[in-house]
C-alpha atoms as a PDB file:
ATOM      1  CA  MET A   1       2.628  15.498  13.173  1.00  0.00           C
ATOM      2  CA  ARG A   2       5.394  16.786  15.434  1.00  0.00           C
ATOM      3  CA  ALA A   3       8.967  16.096  14.349  1.00  0.00           C
ATOM      4  CA  VAL A   4      11.388  14.917  17.003  1.00  0.00           C
ATOM      5  CA  ALA A   5      14.729  16.709  17.000  1.00  0.00           C
ATOM      6  CA  SER A   6      18.046  15.727  18.504  1.00  0.00           C
ATOM      7  CA  ARG A   7      20.003  18.104  20.718  1.00  0.00           C
ATOM      8  CA  LYS A   8      21.724  19.549  17.657  1.00  0.00           C
ATOM      9  CA  GLY A   9      18.372  20.379  16.078  1.00  0.00           C
ATOM     10  CA  ARG A  10      18.452  17.619  13.463  1.00  0.00           C
ATOM     11  CA  LEU A  11      15.558  15.307  12.804  1.00  0.00           C
ATOM     12  CA  THR A  12      15.978  11.804  14.180  1.00  0.00           C
ATOM     13  CA  ALA A  13      15.787   8.803  11.865  1.00  0.00           C
ATOM     14  CA  GLY A  14      12.334   7.937  13.242  1.00  0.00           C
ATOM     15  CA  ALA A  15      11.007  11.414  12.550  1.00  0.00           C
ATOM     16  CA  VAL A  16      12.432  11.366   9.024  1.00  0.00           C
ATOM     17  CA  GLY A  17      10.792   7.981   8.462  1.00  0.00           C
ATOM     18  CA  CYS A  18       7.433   9.328   9.640  1.00  0.00           C
ATOM     19  CA  LEU A  19       7.734  12.347   7.371  1.00  0.00           C
ATOM     20  CA  ALA A  20       8.676  10.153   4.400  1.00  0.00           C
ATOM     21  CA  ALA A  21       5.712   7.854   5.067  1.00  0.00           C
ATOM     22  CA  ALA A  22       3.367  10.840   5.241  1.00  0.00           C
ATOM     23  CA  ALA A  23       4.708  12.114   1.906  1.00  0.00           C
ATOM     24  CA  LEU A  24       4.194   8.699   0.287  1.00  0.00           C
ATOM     25  CA  LEU A  25       0.667   8.447   1.608  1.00  0.00           C
ATOM     26  CA  ALA A  26      -0.168  11.856   0.151  1.00  0.00           C
ATOM     27  CA  ALA A  27       1.108  11.061  -3.379  1.00  0.00           C
ATOM     28  CA  GLU A  28      -1.514  10.829  -6.118  1.00  0.00           C
ATOM     29  CA  PRO A  29      -0.722   9.124  -9.456  1.00  0.00           C
ATOM     30  CA  ALA A  30      -1.868  10.652 -12.755  1.00  0.00           C
ATOM     31  CA  ASP A  31      -5.334   9.646 -14.019  1.00  0.00           C
ATOM     32  CA  SER A  32      -3.976   7.224 -16.625  1.00  0.00           C
ATOM     33  CA  ARG A  33      -1.689   5.547 -14.090  1.00  0.00           C
ATOM     34  CA  ARG A  34      -4.543   5.269 -11.568  1.00  0.00           C
ATOM     35  CA  ALA A  35      -6.516   3.376 -14.215  1.00  0.00           C
ATOM     36  CA  GLU A  36      -3.546   1.043 -14.785  1.00  0.00           C
ATOM     37  CA  LEU A  37      -3.112   0.481 -11.045  1.00  0.00           C
ATOM     38  CA  THR A  38      -6.826  -0.209 -10.619  1.00  0.00           C
ATOM     39  CA  HIS A  39      -6.637  -2.783 -13.418  1.00  0.00           C
ATOM     40  CA  LEU A  40      -3.540  -4.343 -11.809  1.00  0.00           C
ATOM     41  CA  VAL A  41      -5.321  -4.707  -8.470  1.00  0.00           C
ATOM     42  CA  ARG A  42      -8.538  -6.080  -9.930  1.00  0.00           C
ATOM     43  CA  GLN A  43      -6.828  -8.546 -12.288  1.00  0.00           C
ATOM     44  CA  ASP A  44      -3.432  -9.443 -10.873  1.00  0.00           C
ATOM     45  CA  CYS A  45      -4.148  -9.120  -7.156  1.00  0.00           C
ATOM     46  CA  GLY A  46      -7.635 -10.475  -7.775  1.00  0.00           C
ATOM     47  CA  SER A  47      -6.224 -13.700  -9.187  1.00  0.00           C
ATOM     48  CA  CYS A  48      -5.131 -14.665  -5.651  1.00  0.00           C
ATOM     49  CA  HIS A  49      -7.203 -12.409  -3.396  1.00  0.00           C
ATOM     50  CA  GLY A  50     -10.451 -13.072  -5.279  1.00  0.00           C
ATOM     51  CA  MET A  51     -11.868 -11.066  -8.155  1.00  0.00           C
ATOM     52  CA  THR A  52     -13.967  -9.087  -5.667  1.00  0.00           C
ATOM     53  CA  LEU A  53     -10.974  -8.988  -3.275  1.00  0.00           C
ATOM     54  CA  LYS A  54     -12.976 -10.850  -0.638  1.00  0.00           C
ATOM     55  CA  GLY A  55     -10.354 -13.575  -0.337  1.00  0.00           C
ATOM     56  CA  GLY A  56      -9.161 -16.634  -2.200  1.00  0.00           C
ATOM     57  CA  LEU A  57      -5.664 -18.103  -2.104  1.00  0.00           C
ATOM     58  CA  GLY A  58      -4.699 -14.848  -0.374  1.00  0.00           C
ATOM     59  CA  PRO A  59      -6.624 -13.019   2.346  1.00  0.00           C
ATOM     60  CA  ALA A  60      -9.390 -10.492   1.683  1.00  0.00           C
ATOM     61  CA  LEU A  61      -8.311  -6.967   0.721  1.00  0.00           C
ATOM     62  CA  THR A  62     -11.578  -5.262   1.602  1.00  0.00           C
ATOM     63  CA  ARG A  63     -11.874  -2.160   3.763  1.00  0.00           C
ATOM     64  CA  ASP A  64     -13.174  -4.270   6.656  1.00  0.00           C
ATOM     65  CA  ALA A  65     -10.383  -6.833   6.337  1.00  0.00           C
ATOM     66  CA  LEU A  66      -7.706  -4.110   6.285  1.00  0.00           C
ATOM     67  CA  ARG A  67      -9.182  -2.041   9.126  1.00  0.00           C
ATOM     68  CA  GLY A  68      -6.574  -1.452  11.818  1.00  0.00           C
ATOM     69  CA  LYS A  69      -3.649  -2.699   9.743  1.00  0.00           C
ATOM     70  CA  PRO A  70      -0.803  -0.155   9.489  1.00  0.00           C
ATOM     71  CA  ALA A  71      -0.506   1.264   5.972  1.00  0.00           C
ATOM     72  CA  GLU A  72       3.290   1.176   6.178  1.00  0.00           C
ATOM     73  CA  SER A  73       3.390  -2.606   6.660  1.00  0.00           C
ATOM     74  CA  LEU A  74       0.885  -3.140   3.844  1.00  0.00           C
ATOM     75  CA  ILE A  75       3.024  -0.993   1.525  1.00  0.00           C
ATOM     76  CA  VAL A  76       6.075  -3.111   2.366  1.00  0.00           C
ATOM     77  CA  THR A  77       4.058  -6.265   1.644  1.00  0.00           C
ATOM     78  CA  VAL A  78       2.993  -4.929  -1.763  1.00  0.00           C
ATOM     79  CA  LEU A  79       6.544  -3.927  -2.668  1.00  0.00           C
ATOM     80  CA  TYR A  80       8.501  -6.897  -1.300  1.00  0.00           C
ATOM     81  CA  GLY A  81       5.947  -9.691  -0.994  1.00  0.00           C
ATOM     82  CA  ARG A  82       5.855 -12.197   1.840  1.00  0.00           C
ATOM     83  CA  PRO A  83       8.703 -14.716   1.756  1.00  0.00           C
ATOM     84  CA  GLY A  84       7.544 -18.285   2.233  1.00  0.00           C
ATOM     85  CA  THR A  85       4.049 -17.504   0.910  1.00  0.00           C
ATOM     86  CA  ALA A  86       2.461 -17.119  -2.519  1.00  0.00           C
ATOM     87  CA  MET A  87       2.575 -13.285  -2.153  1.00  0.00           C
ATOM     88  CA  PRO A  88       5.100 -12.036  -4.745  1.00  0.00           C
ATOM     89  CA  PRO A  89       6.933  -8.707  -4.693  1.00  0.00           C
ATOM     90  CA  TRP A  90       5.466  -6.017  -6.953  1.00  0.00           C
ATOM     91  CA  ARG A  91       8.418  -3.600  -6.708  1.00  0.00           C
ATOM     92  CA  ALA A  92       9.280  -4.117 -10.372  1.00  0.00           C
ATOM     93  CA  PHE A  93       5.814  -2.886 -11.366  1.00  0.00           C
ATOM     94  CA  VAL A  94       4.886  -0.171  -8.853  1.00  0.00           C
ATOM     95  CA  SER A  95       6.769   2.600  -7.096  1.00  0.00           C
ATOM     96  CA  GLU A  96       6.590   3.223  -3.361  1.00  0.00           C
ATOM     97  CA  ALA A  97       4.181   6.115  -3.954  1.00  0.00           C
ATOM     98  CA  GLU A  98       1.983   3.919  -6.159  1.00  0.00           C
ATOM     99  CA  ALA A  99       1.980   1.129  -3.564  1.00  0.00           C
ATOM    100  CA  ALA A 100       0.939   3.716  -0.964  1.00  0.00           C
ATOM    101  CA  TRP A 101      -1.879   4.886  -3.246  1.00  0.00           C
ATOM    102  CA  ILE A 102      -3.074   1.292  -3.759  1.00  0.00           C
ATOM    103  CA  VAL A 103      -3.057   0.625  -0.018  1.00  0.00           C
ATOM    104  CA  ARG A 104      -4.891   3.872   0.724  1.00  0.00           C
ATOM    105  CA  GLN A 105      -7.568   3.063  -1.865  1.00  0.00           C
ATOM    106  CA  LEU A 106      -7.999  -0.470  -0.514  1.00  0.00           C
ATOM    107  CA  GLN A 107      -8.246   0.783   3.069  1.00  0.00           C
ATOM    108  CA  GLU A 108     -10.869   3.339   1.992  1.00  0.00           C
ATOM    109  CA  GLY A 109     -12.786   0.685   0.065  1.00  0.00           C
ATOM    110  CA  THR A 110     -12.649   2.661  -3.168  1.00  0.00           C
ATOM    111  CA  LEU A 111     -10.563   0.256  -5.212  1.00  0.00           C
ATOM    112  CA  GLY A 112     -11.468  -3.219  -6.259  1.00  0.00           C
ATOM    113  CA  GLU A 113     -14.560  -3.894  -4.168  1.00  0.00           C
ATOM    114  CA  ARG A 114     -17.494  -4.547  -6.470  1.00  0.00           C
END
């Protein structure tokens, strides 16, 4: 990824945002926390998105369903929910790095699909 610099050699806000997003996407929770997050997705998310995450009250969260969706927007949805829908914010329960990990696992199909 190439950072964009202003004339004074400082990173622009967009470049800083890209770098921050890349750092979040690279974060890996500890083993015990990964187990907790997996349980959260399978039980709590599964209560609306289906226990196999293939859809229910909420849309499917399978690798195929998430293909082509930007990770950054999915992370925001996890953290802040979707106003006017049944999707609640999870910010009180997961950090930005943990939300990024959840999204990455869902997009790779390694979390929740059974």
